[in-house]
C-alpha atoms as a PDB file:
ATOM      1  CA  UNK A   1      54.642  77.623 165.510  1.00  0.00           C
ATOM      2  CA  UNK A   2      57.503  80.006 166.200  1.00  0.00           C
ATOM      3  CA  UNK A   3      60.192  78.876 168.612  1.00  0.00           C
ATOM      4  CA  UNK A   4      62.149  81.530 170.457  1.00  0.00           C
ATOM      5  CA  UNK A   5      65.483  80.902 172.141  1.00  0.00           C
ATOM      6  CA  UNK A   6      67.087  82.730 175.069  1.00  0.00           C
ATOM      7  CA  UNK A   7      69.837  85.259 174.420  1.00  0.00           C
ATOM      8  CA  UNK A   8      71.657  87.702 176.682  1.00  0.00           C
ATOM      9  CA  UNK A   9      72.118  91.376 175.900  1.00  0.00           C
ATOM     10  CA  UNK A  10      75.843  90.772 175.311  1.00  0.00           C
ATOM     11  CA  UNK A  11      74.999  88.032 172.793  1.00  0.00           C
ATOM     12  CA  UNK A  12      72.509  90.281 170.996  1.00  0.00           C
ATOM     13  CA  UNK A  13      75.109  93.064 170.856  1.00  0.00           C
ATOM     14  CA  UNK A  14      77.691  90.643 169.431  1.00  0.00           C
ATOM     15  CA  UNK A  15      75.298  89.510 166.686  1.00  0.00           C
ATOM     16  CA  UNK A  16      74.291  93.091 165.885  1.00  0.00           C
ATOM     17  CA  UNK A  17      77.954  94.116 165.586  1.00  0.00           C
ATOM     18  CA  UNK A  18      78.565  91.268 163.137  1.00  0.00           C
ATOM     19  CA  UNK A  19      75.541  92.351 161.065  1.00  0.00           C
ATOM     20  CA  UNK A  20      76.832  95.922 160.925  1.00  0.00           C
ATOM     21  CA  UNK A  21      80.302  94.723 159.863  1.00  0.00           C
ATOM     22  CA  UNK A  22      78.867  92.537 157.102  1.00  0.00           C
ATOM     23  CA  UNK A  23      76.663  95.390 155.843  1.00  0.00           C
ATOM     24  CA  UNK A  24      79.748  97.590 155.803  1.00  0.00           C
ATOM     25  CA  UNK A  25      81.697  94.962 153.795  1.00  0.00           C
ATOM     26  CA  UNK A  26      78.887  94.209 151.293  1.00  0.00           C
ATOM     27  CA  UNK A  27      79.697  97.035 148.806  1.00  0.00           C
ATOM     28  CA  UNK A  28      83.263  95.722 148.452  1.00  0.00           C
ATOM     29  CA  UNK A  29      81.928  92.248 147.595  1.00  0.00           C
ATOM     30  CA  UNK A  30      79.559  93.753 145.020  1.00  0.00           C
ATOM     31  CA  UNK A  31      82.389  95.785 143.452  1.00  0.00           C
ATOM     32  CA  UNK A  32      84.565  92.686 143.254  1.00  0.00           C
ATOM     33  CA  UNK A  33      81.750  90.808 141.524  1.00  0.00           C
ATOM     34  CA  UNK A  34      81.172  93.662 139.067  1.00  0.00           C
ATOM     35  CA  UNK A  35      84.886  93.899 138.278  1.00  0.00           C
ATOM     36  CA  UNK A  36      85.091  90.143 137.677  1.00  0.00           C
ATOM     37  CA  UNK A  37      81.974  90.232 135.474  1.00  0.00           C
ATOM     38  CA  UNK A  38      83.536  92.980 133.359  1.00  0.00           C
ATOM     39  CA  UNK A  39      86.430  90.677 132.448  1.00  0.00           C
ATOM     40  CA  UNK A  40      84.307  88.924 129.859  1.00  0.00           C
ATOM     41  CA  UNK A  41      83.201  85.321 129.442  1.00  0.00           C
ATOM     42  CA  UNK A  42      81.630  84.278 132.722  1.00  0.00           C
ATOM     43  CA  UNK A  43      81.535  80.552 131.982  1.00  0.00           C
ATOM     44  CA  UNK A  44      85.296  80.189 132.403  1.00  0.00           C
ATOM     45  CA  UNK A  45      85.897  83.122 134.740  1.00  0.00           C
ATOM     46  CA  UNK A  46      87.177  81.795 138.070  1.00  0.00           C
ATOM     47  CA  UNK A  47      87.283  85.275 139.596  1.00  0.00           C
ATOM     48  CA  UNK A  48      83.609  85.798 138.761  1.00  0.00           C
ATOM     49  CA  UNK A  49      82.637  82.425 140.244  1.00  0.00           C
ATOM     50  CA  UNK A  50      84.608  83.121 143.442  1.00  0.00           C
ATOM     51  CA  UNK A  51      83.216  86.637 143.823  1.00  0.00           C
ATOM     52  CA  UNK A  52      79.669  85.373 143.239  1.00  0.00           C
ATOM     53  CA  UNK A  53      80.155  82.580 145.806  1.00  0.00           C
ATOM     54  CA  UNK A  54      81.618  84.995 148.384  1.00  0.00           C
ATOM     55  CA  UNK A  55      78.735  87.449 147.962  1.00  0.00           C
ATOM     56  CA  UNK A  56      76.220  84.602 148.238  1.00  0.00           C
ATOM     57  CA  UNK A  57      77.875  83.436 151.493  1.00  0.00           C
ATOM     58  CA  UNK A  58      77.804  86.978 152.893  1.00  0.00           C
ATOM     59  CA  UNK A  59      74.114  87.349 152.031  1.00  0.00           C
ATOM     60  CA  UNK A  60      73.353  83.953 153.569  1.00  0.00           C
ATOM     61  CA  UNK A  61      75.161  84.881 156.773  1.00  0.00           C
ATOM     62  CA  UNK A  62      73.200  88.141 156.949  1.00  0.00           C
ATOM     63  CA  UNK A  63      69.901  86.258 156.591  1.00  0.00           C
ATOM     64  CA  UNK A  64      70.965  83.779 159.284  1.00  0.00           C
ATOM     65  CA  UNK A  65      71.978  86.547 161.714  1.00  0.00           C
ATOM     66  CA  UNK A  66      68.729  88.407 161.022  1.00  0.00           C
ATOM     67  CA  UNK A  67      66.807  85.263 161.921  1.00  0.00           C
ATOM     68  CA  UNK A  68      68.796  84.867 165.148  1.00  0.00           C
ATOM     69  CA  UNK A  69      68.128  88.471 166.116  1.00  0.00           C
ATOM     70  CA  UNK A  70      64.436  88.168 165.277  1.00  0.00           C
ATOM     71  CA  UNK A  71      63.823  84.958 167.223  1.00  0.00           C
ATOM     72  CA  UNK A  72      66.161  85.581 170.142  1.00  0.00           C
ATOM     73  CA  UNK A  73      64.222  86.302 173.312  1.00  0.00           C
ATOM     74  CA  UNK A  74      66.205  88.647 175.524  1.00  0.00           C
ATOM     75  CA  UNK A  75      66.604  87.190 179.024  1.00  0.00           C
ATOM     76  CA  UNK A  76      66.315  89.625 181.909  1.00  0.00           C
ATOM     77  CA  UNK A  77      69.302  90.299 184.114  1.00  0.00           C
ATOM     78  CA  UNK A  78      69.390  87.400 186.564  1.00  0.00           C
ATOM     79  CA  UNK A  79      68.427  88.155 190.137  1.00  0.00           C
ATOM     80  CA  UNK A  80      69.287  86.077 193.157  1.00  0.00           C
ATOM     81  CA  UNK A  81      72.086  83.648 193.809  1.00  0.00           C
ATOM     82  CA  UNK A  82      71.092  80.753 191.563  1.00  0.00           C
ATOM     83  CA  UNK A  83      72.666  79.783 188.259  1.00  0.00           C
ATOM     84  CA  UNK A  84      70.691  81.205 185.334  1.00  0.00           C
ATOM     85  CA  UNK A  85      71.361  82.372 181.801  1.00  0.00           C
ATOM     86  CA  UNK A  86      73.596  85.427 182.098  1.00  0.00           C
ATOM     87  CA  UNK A  87      75.396  84.396 185.287  1.00  0.00           C
ATOM     88  CA  UNK A  88      79.020  83.390 185.674  1.00  0.00           C
ATOM     89  CA  UNK A  89      79.503  80.084 187.477  1.00  0.00           C
ATOM     90  CA  UNK A  90      82.564  78.407 188.924  1.00  0.00           C
ATOM     91  CA  UNK A  91      82.367  74.622 188.882  1.00  0.00           C
ATOM     92  CA  UNK A  92      84.584  72.094 190.662  1.00  0.00           C
ATOM     93  CA  UNK A  93      85.125  68.790 188.856  1.00  0.00           C
ATOM     94  CA  UNK A  94      87.505  67.470 191.496  1.00  0.00           C
ATOM     95  CA  UNK A  95      89.919  68.466 194.268  1.00  0.00           C
ATOM     96  CA  UNK A  96      92.061  70.805 192.166  1.00  0.00           C
ATOM     97  CA  UNK A  97      90.011  71.082 188.982  1.00  0.00           C
ATOM     98  CA  UNK A  98      87.847  74.224 188.805  1.00  0.00           C
ATOM     99  CA  UNK A  99      86.563  76.022 185.734  1.00  0.00           C
ATOM    100  CA  UNK A 100      84.610  79.243 185.338  1.00  0.00           C
ATOM    101  CA  UNK A 101      81.907  79.587 182.686  1.00  0.00           C
ATOM    102  CA  UNK A 102      79.314  82.114 181.629  1.00  0.00           C
ATOM    103  CA  UNK A 103      75.903  80.464 181.203  1.00  0.00           C
ATOM    104  CA  UNK A 104      74.408  81.594 177.908  1.00  0.00           C
ATOM    105  CA  UNK A 105      71.719  80.614 175.439  1.00  0.00           C
ATOM    106  CA  UNK A 106      72.505  77.968 172.802  1.00  0.00           C
ATOM    107  CA  UNK A 107      73.294  80.481 170.047  1.00  0.00           C
ATOM    108  CA  UNK A 108      75.903  82.301 172.128  1.00  0.00           C
ATOM    109  CA  UNK A 109      77.953  79.259 173.126  1.00  0.00           C
ATOM    110  CA  UNK A 110      80.451  79.627 170.288  1.00  0.00           C
ATOM    111  CA  UNK A 111      80.979  83.379 170.785  1.00  0.00           C
ATOM    112  CA  UNK A 112      83.617  82.902 173.511  1.00  0.00           C
ATOM    113  CA  UNK A 113      85.584  79.917 174.811  1.00  0.00           C
ATOM    114  CA  UNK A 114      84.314  80.441 178.369  1.00  0.00           C
ATOM    115  CA  UNK A 115      80.632  80.371 177.331  1.00  0.00           C
ATOM    116  CA  UNK A 116      78.573  77.365 178.400  1.00  0.00           C
ATOM    117  CA  UNK A 117      75.337  76.648 176.552  1.00  0.00           C
ATOM    118  CA  UNK A 118      72.314  76.344 178.809  1.00  0.00           C
ATOM    119  CA  UNK A 119      71.091  73.373 176.768  1.00  0.00           C
ATOM    120  CA  UNK A 120      74.327  71.369 177.177  1.00  0.00           C
ATOM    121  CA  UNK A 121      74.302  68.556 179.749  1.00  0.00           C
ATOM    122  CA  UNK A 122      76.438  70.582 182.189  1.00  0.00           C
ATOM    123  CA  UNK A 123      74.480  73.784 181.554  1.00  0.00           C
ATOM    124  CA  UNK A 124      71.123  72.065 182.096  1.00  0.00           C
ATOM    125  CA  UNK A 125      72.346  70.488 185.318  1.00  0.00           C
ATOM    126  CA  UNK A 126      73.598  73.801 186.735  1.00  0.00           C
ATOM    127  CA  UNK A 127      70.478  75.864 186.012  1.00  0.00           C
ATOM    128  CA  UNK A 128      68.496  76.868 189.109  1.00  0.00           C
ATOM    129  CA  UNK A 129      71.151  75.612 191.555  1.00  0.00           C
ATOM    130  CA  UNK A 130      72.953  77.730 194.155  1.00  0.00           C
ATOM    131  CA  UNK A 131      76.603  77.886 195.197  1.00  0.00           C
ATOM    132  CA  UNK A 132      77.581  74.878 197.291  1.00  0.00           C
ATOM    133  CA  UNK A 133      75.163  72.486 195.558  1.00  0.00           C
ATOM    134  CA  UNK A 134      76.450  69.167 194.251  1.00  0.00           C
ATOM    135  CA  UNK A 135      74.887  68.539 190.847  1.00  0.00           C
ATOM    136  CA  UNK A 136      74.620  65.317 188.851  1.00  0.00           C
ATOM    137  CA  UNK A 137      75.273  65.794 185.133  1.00  0.00           C
ATOM    138  CA  UNK A 138      73.587  63.332 182.786  1.00  0.00           C
ATOM    139  CA  UNK A 139      76.022  63.234 179.857  1.00  0.00           C
ATOM    140  CA  UNK A 140      76.033  60.869 176.869  1.00  0.00           C
ATOM    141  CA  UNK A 141      79.233  59.200 178.126  1.00  0.00           C
ATOM    142  CA  UNK A 142      77.716  58.653 181.564  1.00  0.00           C
ATOM    143  CA  UNK A 143      76.647  60.490 184.687  1.00  0.00           C
ATOM    144  CA  UNK A 144      79.107  62.446 186.819  1.00  0.00           C
ATOM    145  CA  UNK A 145      78.812  64.939 189.636  1.00  0.00           C
ATOM    146  CA  UNK A 146      80.220  68.449 189.998  1.00  0.00           C
ATOM    147  CA  UNK A 147      80.065  71.037 192.742  1.00  0.00           C
ATOM    148  CA  UNK A 148      78.818  74.545 192.006  1.00  0.00           C
ATOM    149  CA  UNK A 149      81.403  76.671 193.815  1.00  0.00           C
ATOM    150  CA  UNK A 150      80.202  80.213 193.010  1.00  0.00           C
ATOM    151  CA  UNK A 151      77.508  82.083 191.094  1.00  0.00           C
ATOM    152  CA  UNK A 152      78.091  85.708 190.036  1.00  0.00           C
ATOM    153  CA  UNK A 153      75.952  88.120 188.060  1.00  0.00           C
END
């Protein structure tokens, strides 16, 4: 059974740009490997081993990104005033403690510091709530409540 995960258009574009950059860099990695192989004995050739490892890592990253692009299900542009994947939310943790996040799919969370994964405890709690709602977050360290201050597309 194939499992798809949600991804925004911006996340898909980011992944596609990384794929294009890696494809652009691949010939340089291959040339470095060929140059190191031409030095002779490969069993004691540190340059050859490093070049081979680097090319293998590049190829692995390309396969991983291809898989992400293939199984990422593009989420439509959110409509309405509720928190959904692709919206920007402002959350109040206390009287003078507000943070702004962009709700994204799990794969996109590490693409920017302000991204909040929809499968995180805070992300799950915010989904489908409107501005002004007080939300209880069920976190591993214990439950806490936050107030959803604003939702923007």
